[in-house]
PDB file of N, CA and C in Angstrom:
ATOM      1  N   UNK A   1      17.537  12.474  14.059  1.00  0.00           N
ATOM      2  CA  UNK A   1      17.659  11.069  14.375  1.00  0.00           C
ATOM      3  C   UNK A   1      16.565  10.682  15.363  1.00  0.00           C
ATOM      4  N   UNK A   2      16.091   9.487  15.283  1.00  0.00           N
ATOM      5  CA  UNK A   2      15.028   8.993  16.148  1.00  0.00           C
ATOM      6  C   UNK A   2      15.588   7.897  17.041  1.00  0.00           C
ATOM      7  N   UNK A   3      15.180   7.869  18.289  1.00  0.00           N
ATOM      8  CA  UNK A   3      15.664   6.840  19.205  1.00  0.00           C
ATOM      9  C   UNK A   3      14.493   6.144  19.866  1.00  0.00           C
ATOM     10  N   UNK A   4      13.885   5.221  19.167  1.00  0.00           N
ATOM     11  CA  UNK A   4      12.808   4.439  19.736  1.00  0.00           C
ATOM     12  C   UNK A   4      11.592   5.263  20.116  1.00  0.00           C
ATOM     13  N   UNK A   5      10.674   4.623  20.813  1.00  0.00           N
ATOM     14  CA  UNK A   5       9.479   5.313  21.260  1.00  0.00           C
ATOM     15  C   UNK A   5       9.055   4.759  22.604  1.00  0.00           C
ATOM     16  N   UNK A   6       8.162   5.491  23.240  1.00  0.00           N
ATOM     17  CA  UNK A   6       7.547   4.978  24.456  1.00  0.00           C
ATOM     18  C   UNK A   6       6.051   5.167  24.322  1.00  0.00           C
ATOM     19  N   UNK A   7       5.316   4.339  25.005  1.00  0.00           N
ATOM     20  CA  UNK A   7       3.860   4.420  24.999  1.00  0.00           C
ATOM     21  C   UNK A   7       3.434   5.297  26.170  1.00  0.00           C
ATOM     22  N   UNK A   8       2.586   6.290  25.889  1.00  0.00           N
ATOM     23  CA  UNK A   8       2.067   7.162  26.936  1.00  0.00           C
ATOM     24  C   UNK A   8       0.580   7.354  26.698  1.00  0.00           C
ATOM     25  N   UNK A   9      -0.223   6.873  27.637  1.00  0.00           N
ATOM     26  CA  UNK A   9      -1.687   6.958  27.554  1.00  0.00           C
ATOM     27  C   UNK A   9      -2.217   6.451  26.219  1.00  0.00           C
ATOM     28  N   UNK A  10      -1.661   5.352  25.760  1.00  0.00           N
ATOM     29  CA  UNK A  10      -2.135   4.702  24.544  1.00  0.00           C
ATOM     30  C   UNK A  10      -1.598   5.284  23.249  1.00  0.00           C
ATOM     31  N   UNK A  11      -0.693   6.262  23.324  1.00  0.00           N
ATOM     32  CA  UNK A  11      -0.112   6.863  22.129  1.00  0.00           C
ATOM     33  C   UNK A  11       1.390   6.613  22.105  1.00  0.00           C
ATOM     34  N   UNK A  12       1.938   6.452  20.917  1.00  0.00           N
ATOM     35  CA  UNK A  12       3.379   6.290  20.766  1.00  0.00           C
ATOM     36  C   UNK A  12       4.022   7.669  20.718  1.00  0.00           C
ATOM     37  N   UNK A  13       5.081   7.860  21.496  1.00  0.00           N
ATOM     38  CA  UNK A  13       5.795   9.128  21.571  1.00  0.00           C
ATOM     39  C   UNK A  13       7.220   8.901  21.072  1.00  0.00           C
ATOM     40  N   UNK A  14       7.584   9.593  19.994  1.00  0.00           N
ATOM     41  CA  UNK A  14       8.900   9.477  19.389  1.00  0.00           C
ATOM     42  C   UNK A  14       9.654  10.801  19.532  1.00  0.00           C
ATOM     43  N   UNK A  15      10.696  10.867  20.381  1.00  0.00           N
ATOM     44  CA  UNK A  15      11.500  12.084  20.443  1.00  0.00           C
ATOM     45  C   UNK A  15      12.317  12.224  19.150  1.00  0.00           C
ATOM     46  N   UNK A  16      12.381  13.420  18.606  1.00  0.00           N
ATOM     47  CA  UNK A  16      13.139  13.703  17.391  1.00  0.00           C
ATOM     48  C   UNK A  16      14.183  14.761  17.727  1.00  0.00           C
ATOM     49  N   UNK A  17      15.448  14.434  17.550  1.00  0.00           N
ATOM     50  CA  UNK A  17      16.545  15.334  17.901  1.00  0.00           C
ATOM     51  C   UNK A  17      17.441  15.500  16.686  1.00  0.00           C
ATOM     52  N   UNK A  18      17.831  16.737  16.416  1.00  0.00           N
ATOM     53  CA  UNK A  18      18.657  17.020  15.241  1.00  0.00           C
ATOM     54  C   UNK A  18      19.561  18.211  15.521  1.00  0.00           C
ATOM     55  N   UNK A  19      20.713  18.305  14.825  1.00  0.00           N
ATOM     56  CA  UNK A  19      21.632  19.418  15.050  1.00  0.00           C
ATOM     57  C   UNK A  19      20.958  20.769  14.787  1.00  0.00           C
ATOM     58  N   UNK A  20      21.313  21.763  15.591  1.00  0.00           N
ATOM     59  CA  UNK A  20      20.738  23.104  15.454  1.00  0.00           C
ATOM     60  C   UNK A  20      21.047  23.698  14.079  1.00  0.00           C
ATOM     61  N   UNK A  21      22.247  23.488  13.600  1.00  0.00           N
ATOM     62  CA  UNK A  21      22.613  23.966  12.273  1.00  0.00           C
ATOM     63  C   UNK A  21      22.947  22.762  11.398  1.00  0.00           C
ATOM     64  N   UNK A  22      22.368  22.747  10.221  1.00  0.00           N
ATOM     65  CA  UNK A  22      22.598  21.635   9.301  1.00  0.00           C
ATOM     66  C   UNK A  22      24.074  21.554   8.922  1.00  0.00           C
ATOM     67  N   UNK A  23      24.543  20.357   8.713  1.00  0.00           N
ATOM     68  CA  UNK A  23      25.913  20.138   8.293  1.00  0.00           C
ATOM     69  C   UNK A  23      26.054  20.521   6.826  1.00  0.00           C
ATOM     70  N   UNK A  24      27.072  21.277   6.526  1.00  0.00           N
ATOM     71  CA  UNK A  24      27.304  21.678   5.138  1.00  0.00           C
ATOM     72  C   UNK A  24      27.986  20.540   4.397  1.00  0.00           C
ATOM     73  N   UNK A  25      27.719  20.424   3.091  1.00  0.00           N
ATOM     74  CA  UNK A  25      28.337  19.356   2.305  1.00  0.00           C
ATOM     75  C   UNK A  25      29.868  19.392   2.426  1.00  0.00           C
ATOM     76  N   UNK A  26      30.451  18.246   2.648  1.00  0.00           N
ATOM     77  CA  UNK A  26      31.897  18.133   2.763  1.00  0.00           C
ATOM     78  C   UNK A  26      32.435  18.449   4.151  1.00  0.00           C
ATOM     79  N   UNK A  27      31.562  18.796   5.079  1.00  0.00           N
ATOM     80  CA  UNK A  27      31.994  19.125   6.440  1.00  0.00           C
ATOM     81  C   UNK A  27      31.678  17.981   7.386  1.00  0.00           C
ATOM     82  N   UNK A  28      32.342  18.023   8.519  1.00  0.00           N
ATOM     83  CA  UNK A  28      32.045  17.039   9.563  1.00  0.00           C
ATOM     84  C   UNK A  28      30.741  17.448  10.245  1.00  0.00           C
ATOM     85  N   UNK A  29      30.257  16.639  11.115  1.00  0.00           N
ATOM     86  CA  UNK A  29      29.026  16.952  11.848  1.00  0.00           C
ATOM     87  C   UNK A  29      29.193  18.260  12.617  1.00  0.00           C
ATOM     88  N   UNK A  30      28.105  18.959  12.784  1.00  0.00           N
ATOM     89  CA  UNK A  30      28.137  20.236  13.480  1.00  0.00           C
ATOM     90  C   UNK A  30      27.326  20.125  14.772  1.00  0.00           C
ATOM     91  N   UNK A  31      27.925  19.531  15.806  1.00  0.00           N
ATOM     92  CA  UNK A  31      27.232  19.349  17.072  1.00  0.00           C
ATOM     93  C   UNK A  31      27.583  20.436  18.083  1.00  0.00           C
ATOM     94  N   UNK A  32      28.577  21.264  17.784  1.00  0.00           N
ATOM     95  CA  UNK A  32      29.024  22.279  18.726  1.00  0.00           C
ATOM     96  C   UNK A  32      27.972  23.349  18.993  1.00  0.00           C
ATOM     97  N   UNK A  33      27.066  23.579  18.060  1.00  0.00           N
ATOM     98  CA  UNK A  33      26.051  24.617  18.225  1.00  0.00           C
ATOM     99  C   UNK A  33      24.789  24.103  18.913  1.00  0.00           C
ATOM    100  N   UNK A  34      24.791  22.862  19.355  1.00  0.00           N
ATOM    101  CA  UNK A  34      23.663  22.308  20.094  1.00  0.00           C
ATOM    102  C   UNK A  34      22.656  21.603  19.209  1.00  0.00           C
ATOM    103  N   UNK A  35      21.499  21.329  19.795  1.00  0.00           N
ATOM    104  CA  UNK A  35      20.485  20.517  19.138  1.00  0.00           C
ATOM    105  C   UNK A  35      19.103  21.137  19.274  1.00  0.00           C
ATOM    106  N   UNK A  36      18.270  20.896  18.285  1.00  0.00           N
ATOM    107  CA  UNK A  36      16.860  21.255  18.326  1.00  0.00           C
ATOM    108  C   UNK A  36      16.071  19.965  18.507  1.00  0.00           C
ATOM    109  N   UNK A  37      14.805  20.119  18.871  1.00  0.00           N
ATOM    110  CA  UNK A  37      14.006  18.929  19.145  1.00  0.00           C
ATOM    111  C   UNK A  37      12.563  19.114  18.699  1.00  0.00           C
ATOM    112  N   UNK A  38      11.949  17.990  18.416  1.00  0.00           N
ATOM    113  CA  UNK A  38      10.527  17.913  18.098  1.00  0.00           C
ATOM    114  C   UNK A  38      10.051  16.580  18.664  1.00  0.00           C
ATOM    115  N   UNK A  39       8.760  16.336  18.547  1.00  0.00           N
ATOM    116  CA  UNK A  39       8.229  15.054  19.008  1.00  0.00           C
ATOM    117  C   UNK A  39       7.133  14.616  18.043  1.00  0.00           C
ATOM    118  N   UNK A  40       7.152  13.331  17.705  1.00  0.00           N
ATOM    119  CA  UNK A  40       6.075  12.760  16.880  1.00  0.00           C
ATOM    120  C   UNK A  40       5.177  11.957  17.808  1.00  0.00           C
ATOM    121  N   UNK A  41       3.893  12.285  17.759  1.00  0.00           N
ATOM    122  CA  UNK A  41       2.897  11.551  18.539  1.00  0.00           C
ATOM    123  C   UNK A  41       2.050  10.787  17.543  1.00  0.00           C
ATOM    124  N   UNK A  42       1.877   9.500  17.797  1.00  0.00           N
ATOM    125  CA  UNK A  42       1.231   8.628  16.819  1.00  0.00           C
ATOM    126  C   UNK A  42       0.322   7.625  17.500  1.00  0.00           C
ATOM    127  N   UNK A  43      -0.796   7.347  16.850  1.00  0.00           N
ATOM    128  CA  UNK A  43      -1.648   6.261  17.317  1.00  0.00           C
ATOM    129  C   UNK A  43      -0.972   4.949  16.951  1.00  0.00           C
ATOM    130  N   UNK A  44      -1.114   3.934  17.777  1.00  0.00           N
ATOM    131  CA  UNK A  44      -0.541   2.640  17.428  1.00  0.00           C
ATOM    132  C   UNK A  44      -1.175   2.095  16.143  1.00  0.00           C
ATOM    133  N   UNK A  45      -0.382   1.465  15.301  1.00  0.00           N
ATOM    134  CA  UNK A  45      -0.897   0.874  14.063  1.00  0.00           C
ATOM    135  C   UNK A  45      -1.753  -0.335  14.368  1.00  0.00           C
ATOM    136  N   UNK A  46      -2.936  -0.380  13.761  1.00  0.00           N
ATOM    137  CA  UNK A  46      -3.846  -1.508  13.969  1.00  0.00           C
ATOM    138  C   UNK A  46      -4.109  -2.141  12.614  1.00  0.00           C
ATOM    139  N   UNK A  47      -3.779  -3.414  12.497  1.00  0.00           N
ATOM    140  CA  UNK A  47      -4.004  -4.110  11.228  1.00  0.00           C
ATOM    141  C   UNK A  47      -3.201  -3.469  10.112  1.00  0.00           C
ATOM    142  N   UNK A  48      -3.820  -3.309   8.949  1.00  0.00           N
ATOM    143  CA  UNK A  48      -3.144  -2.746   7.792  1.00  0.00           C
ATOM    144  C   UNK A  48      -3.357  -1.251   7.641  1.00  0.00           C
ATOM    145  N   UNK A  49      -4.083  -0.638   8.586  1.00  0.00           N
ATOM    146  CA  UNK A  49      -4.356   0.796   8.493  1.00  0.00           C
ATOM    147  C   UNK A  49      -3.128   1.621   8.847  1.00  0.00           C
ATOM    148  N   UNK A  50      -2.947   2.726   8.136  1.00  0.00           N
ATOM    149  CA  UNK A  50      -1.868   3.657   8.472  1.00  0.00           C
ATOM    150  C   UNK A  50      -2.292   4.464   9.696  1.00  0.00           C
ATOM    151  N   UNK A  51      -1.456   4.498  10.732  1.00  0.00           N
ATOM    152  CA  UNK A  51      -1.827   5.232  11.938  1.00  0.00           C
ATOM    153  C   UNK A  51      -1.748   6.751  11.719  1.00  0.00           C
ATOM    154  N   UNK A  52      -2.609   7.470  12.421  1.00  0.00           N
ATOM    155  CA  UNK A  52      -2.520   8.932  12.376  1.00  0.00           C
ATOM    156  C   UNK A  52      -1.340   9.367  13.237  1.00  0.00           C
ATOM    157  N   UNK A  53      -0.639  10.399  12.773  1.00  0.00           N
ATOM    158  CA  UNK A  53       0.461  10.924  13.564  1.00  0.00           C
ATOM    159  C   UNK A  53       0.617  12.413  13.285  1.00  0.00           C
ATOM    160  N   UNK A  54       1.368  13.060  14.160  1.00  0.00           N
ATOM    161  CA  UNK A  54       1.609  14.485  14.006  1.00  0.00           C
ATOM    162  C   UNK A  54       2.934  14.819  14.680  1.00  0.00           C
ATOM    163  N   UNK A  55       3.654  15.784  14.099  1.00  0.00           N
ATOM    164  CA  UNK A  55       4.929  16.221  14.656  1.00  0.00           C
ATOM    165  C   UNK A  55       4.753  17.615  15.251  1.00  0.00           C
ATOM    166  N   UNK A  56       5.256  17.787  16.472  1.00  0.00           N
ATOM    167  CA  UNK A  56       5.213  19.064  17.170  1.00  0.00           C
ATOM    168  C   UNK A  56       6.649  19.512  17.429  1.00  0.00           C
ATOM    169  N   UNK A  57       6.992  20.688  16.948  1.00  0.00           N
ATOM    170  CA  UNK A  57       8.337  21.242  17.165  1.00  0.00           C
ATOM    171  C   UNK A  57       8.378  21.931  18.516  1.00  0.00           C
ATOM    172  N   UNK A  58       9.482  21.766  19.226  1.00  0.00           N
ATOM    173  CA  UNK A  58       9.653  22.417  20.514  1.00  0.00           C
ATOM    174  C   UNK A  58      10.288  23.781  20.276  1.00  0.00           C
ATOM    175  N   UNK A  59       9.579  24.814  20.703  1.00  0.00           N
ATOM    176  CA  UNK A  59      10.081  26.182  20.576  1.00  0.00           C
ATOM    177  C   UNK A  59      10.932  26.484  21.811  1.00  0.00           C
ATOM    178  N   UNK A  60      12.236  26.489  21.643  1.00  0.00           N
ATOM    179  CA  UNK A  60      13.142  26.776  22.747  1.00  0.00           C
ATOM    180  C   UNK A  60      13.868  28.097  22.470  1.00  0.00           C
ATOM    181  N   UNK A  61      14.199  28.812  23.536  1.00  0.00           N
ATOM    182  CA  UNK A  61      14.898  30.093  23.368  1.00  0.00           C
ATOM    183  C   UNK A  61      16.312  29.905  22.834  1.00  0.00           C
ATOM    184  N   UNK A  62      16.915  28.799  23.160  1.00  0.00           N
ATOM    185  CA  UNK A  62      18.255  28.490  22.665  1.00  0.00           C
ATOM    186  C   UNK A  62      18.347  26.986  22.434  1.00  0.00           C
ATOM    187  N   UNK A  63      19.320  26.560  21.641  1.00  0.00           N
ATOM    188  CA  UNK A  63      19.454  25.119  21.371  1.00  0.00           C
ATOM    189  C   UNK A  63      19.771  24.337  22.654  1.00  0.00           C
ATOM    190  N   UNK A  64      19.395  23.078  22.655  1.00  0.00           N
ATOM    191  CA  UNK A  64      19.741  22.196  23.769  1.00  0.00           C
ATOM    192  C   UNK A  64      21.230  21.875  23.680  1.00  0.00           C
ATOM    193  N   UNK A  65      21.880  21.747  24.823  1.00  0.00           N
ATOM    194  CA  UNK A  65      23.331  21.526  24.841  1.00  0.00           C
ATOM    195  C   UNK A  65      23.714  20.122  24.381  1.00  0.00           C
ATOM    196  N   UNK A  66      22.845  19.142  24.641  1.00  0.00           N
ATOM    197  CA  UNK A  66      23.175  17.766  24.253  1.00  0.00           C
ATOM    198  C   UNK A  66      21.903  17.020  23.874  1.00  0.00           C
ATOM    199  N   UNK A  67      22.086  15.845  23.296  1.00  0.00           N
ATOM    200  CA  UNK A  67      20.942  15.072  22.807  1.00  0.00           C
ATOM    201  C   UNK A  67      20.066  14.555  23.947  1.00  0.00           C
ATOM    202  N   UNK A  68      20.665  14.265  25.093  1.00  0.00           N
ATOM    203  CA  UNK A  68      19.883  13.782  26.233  1.00  0.00           C
ATOM    204  C   UNK A  68      18.883  14.831  26.706  1.00  0.00           C
ATOM    205  N   UNK A  69      19.333  16.074  26.827  1.00  0.00           N
ATOM    206  CA  UNK A  69      18.424  17.157  27.229  1.00  0.00           C
ATOM    207  C   UNK A  69      17.305  17.327  26.205  1.00  0.00           C
ATOM    208  N   UNK A  70      17.652  17.257  24.931  1.00  0.00           N
ATOM    209  CA  UNK A  70      16.654  17.427  23.865  1.00  0.00           C
ATOM    210  C   UNK A  70      15.627  16.287  23.894  1.00  0.00           C
ATOM    211  N   UNK A  71      16.081  15.046  24.101  1.00  0.00           N
ATOM    212  CA  UNK A  71      15.160  13.901  24.181  1.00  0.00           C
ATOM    213  C   UNK A  71      14.217  14.030  25.370  1.00  0.00           C
ATOM    214  N   UNK A  72      14.753  14.411  26.520  1.00  0.00           N
ATOM    215  CA  UNK A  72      13.914  14.562  27.717  1.00  0.00           C
ATOM    216  C   UNK A  72      12.883  15.673  27.514  1.00  0.00           C
ATOM    217  N   UNK A  73      13.283  16.761  26.892  1.00  0.00           N
ATOM    218  CA  UNK A  73      12.349  17.862  26.626  1.00  0.00           C
ATOM    219  C   UNK A  73      11.258  17.413  25.661  1.00  0.00           C
ATOM    220  N   UNK A  74      11.608  16.615  24.660  1.00  0.00           N
ATOM    221  CA  UNK A  74      10.623  16.102  23.705  1.00  0.00           C
ATOM    222  C   UNK A  74       9.583  15.245  24.395  1.00  0.00           C
ATOM    223  N   UNK A  75      10.036  14.349  25.235  1.00  0.00           N
ATOM    224  CA  UNK A  75       9.124  13.458  25.945  1.00  0.00           C
ATOM    225  C   UNK A  75       8.231  14.244  26.896  1.00  0.00           C
ATOM    226  N   UNK A  76       8.805  15.186  27.628  1.00  0.00           N
ATOM    227  CA  UNK A  76       8.010  15.997  28.567  1.00  0.00           C
ATOM    228  C   UNK A  76       6.981  16.835  27.814  1.00  0.00           C
ATOM    229  N   UNK A  77       7.355  17.373  26.659  1.00  0.00           N
ATOM    230  CA  UNK A  77       6.426  18.186  25.869  1.00  0.00           C
ATOM    231  C   UNK A  77       5.262  17.336  25.370  1.00  0.00           C
ATOM    232  N   UNK A  78       5.552  16.127  24.905  1.00  0.00           N
ATOM    233  CA  UNK A  78       4.492  15.223  24.442  1.00  0.00           C
ATOM    234  C   UNK A  78       3.531  14.903  25.575  1.00  0.00           C
ATOM    235  N   UNK A  79       4.067  14.589  26.742  1.00  0.00           N
ATOM    236  CA  UNK A  79       3.211  14.277  27.890  1.00  0.00           C
ATOM    237  C   UNK A  79       2.340  15.481  28.253  1.00  0.00           C
ATOM    238  N   UNK A  80       2.925  16.672  28.201  1.00  0.00           N
ATOM    239  CA  UNK A  80       2.163  17.892  28.490  1.00  0.00           C
ATOM    240  C   UNK A  80       1.026  18.074  27.483  1.00  0.00           C
ATOM    241  N   UNK A  81       1.316  17.897  26.194  1.00  0.00           N
ATOM    242  CA  UNK A  81       0.284  18.047  25.163  1.00  0.00           C
ATOM    243  C   UNK A  81      -0.852  17.044  25.363  1.00  0.00           C
ATOM    244  N   UNK A  82      -0.488  15.815  25.634  1.00  0.00           N
ATOM    245  CA  UNK A  82      -1.490  14.760  25.816  1.00  0.00           C
ATOM    246  C   UNK A  82      -2.315  15.021  27.076  1.00  0.00           C
ATOM    247  N   UNK A  83      -1.655  15.399  28.155  1.00  0.00           N
ATOM    248  CA  UNK A  83      -2.346  15.604  29.436  1.00  0.00           C
ATOM    249  C   UNK A  83      -3.269  16.816  29.437  1.00  0.00           C
ATOM    250  N   UNK A  84      -2.959  17.840  28.655  1.00  0.00           N
ATOM    251  CA  UNK A  84      -3.756  19.067  28.697  1.00  0.00           C
ATOM    252  C   UNK A  84      -4.902  19.089  27.696  1.00  0.00           C
ATOM    253  N   UNK A  85      -5.053  18.054  26.901  1.00  0.00           N
ATOM    254  CA  UNK A  85      -6.194  17.985  25.981  1.00  0.00           C
ATOM    255  C   UNK A  85      -7.464  17.664  26.772  1.00  0.00           C
ATOM    256  N   UNK A  86      -8.536  18.320  26.386  1.00  0.00           N
ATOM    257  CA  UNK A  86      -9.813  18.028  27.037  1.00  0.00           C
ATOM    258  C   UNK A  86     -10.318  16.670  26.554  1.00  0.00           C
ATOM    259  N   UNK A  87     -11.329  16.169  27.210  1.00  0.00           N
ATOM    260  CA  UNK A  87     -11.866  14.868  26.825  1.00  0.00           C
ATOM    261  C   UNK A  87     -12.546  14.921  25.456  1.00  0.00           C
ATOM    262  N   UNK A  88     -12.958  16.123  25.028  1.00  0.00           N
ATOM    263  CA  UNK A  88     -13.626  16.277  23.732  1.00  0.00           C
ATOM    264  C   UNK A  88     -12.627  16.316  22.569  1.00  0.00           C
ATOM    265  N   UNK A  89     -11.374  16.570  22.872  1.00  0.00           N
ATOM    266  CA  UNK A  89     -10.371  16.799  21.836  1.00  0.00           C
ATOM    267  C   UNK A  89      -9.290  15.741  21.895  1.00  0.00           C
ATOM    268  N   UNK A  90      -8.741  15.413  20.753  1.00  0.00           N
ATOM    269  CA  UNK A  90      -7.627  14.477  20.674  1.00  0.00           C
ATOM    270  C   UNK A  90      -6.383  15.277  20.338  1.00  0.00           C
ATOM    271  N   UNK A  91      -5.244  14.909  20.915  1.00  0.00           N
ATOM    272  CA  UNK A  91      -4.012  15.661  20.707  1.00  0.00           C
ATOM    273  C   UNK A  91      -3.629  15.758  19.220  1.00  0.00           C
ATOM    274  N   UNK A  92      -4.024  14.791  18.432  1.00  0.00           N
ATOM    275  CA  UNK A  92      -3.693  14.824  17.001  1.00  0.00           C
ATOM    276  C   UNK A  92      -4.582  15.800  16.225  1.00  0.00           C
ATOM    277  N   UNK A  93      -5.631  16.305  16.867  1.00  0.00           N
ATOM    278  CA  UNK A  93      -6.539  17.245  16.210  1.00  0.00           C
ATOM    279  C   UNK A  93      -6.384  18.683  16.718  1.00  0.00           C
ATOM    280  N   UNK A  94      -5.529  18.889  17.711  1.00  0.00           N
ATOM    281  CA  UNK A  94      -5.380  20.212  18.339  1.00  0.00           C
ATOM    282  C   UNK A  94      -4.656  21.174  17.408  1.00  0.00           C
ATOM    283  N   UNK A  95      -5.143  22.409  17.353  1.00  0.00           N
ATOM    284  CA  UNK A  95      -4.463  23.466  16.615  1.00  0.00           C
ATOM    285  C   UNK A  95      -3.563  24.233  17.576  1.00  0.00           C
ATOM    286  N   UNK A  96      -2.291  24.316  17.265  1.00  0.00           N
ATOM    287  CA  UNK A  96      -1.360  25.072  18.118  1.00  0.00           C
ATOM    288  C   UNK A  96      -0.984  26.362  17.448  1.00  0.00           C
TER     289      UNK A  96
END
């Protein structure tokens, strides 16, 4: 699920949070096992052009306990990626 975005240094940052284990057909949601997170970093759309974007998965040792922790980790990870890029490189072009 996606919950809005924030602008950071001219890029849109979208936290992506989802259940650690997928829900099986016919079952209720499976939130007891925690949540995983990723972040989509995107250039703002200009005119009719499709903006460039990229999704980065957060490698965590264990699932996040709740969606708030996962969202905060996504945002912090995006800021870290953007801040640590050199001036010659763009975060959307970095190989991880």
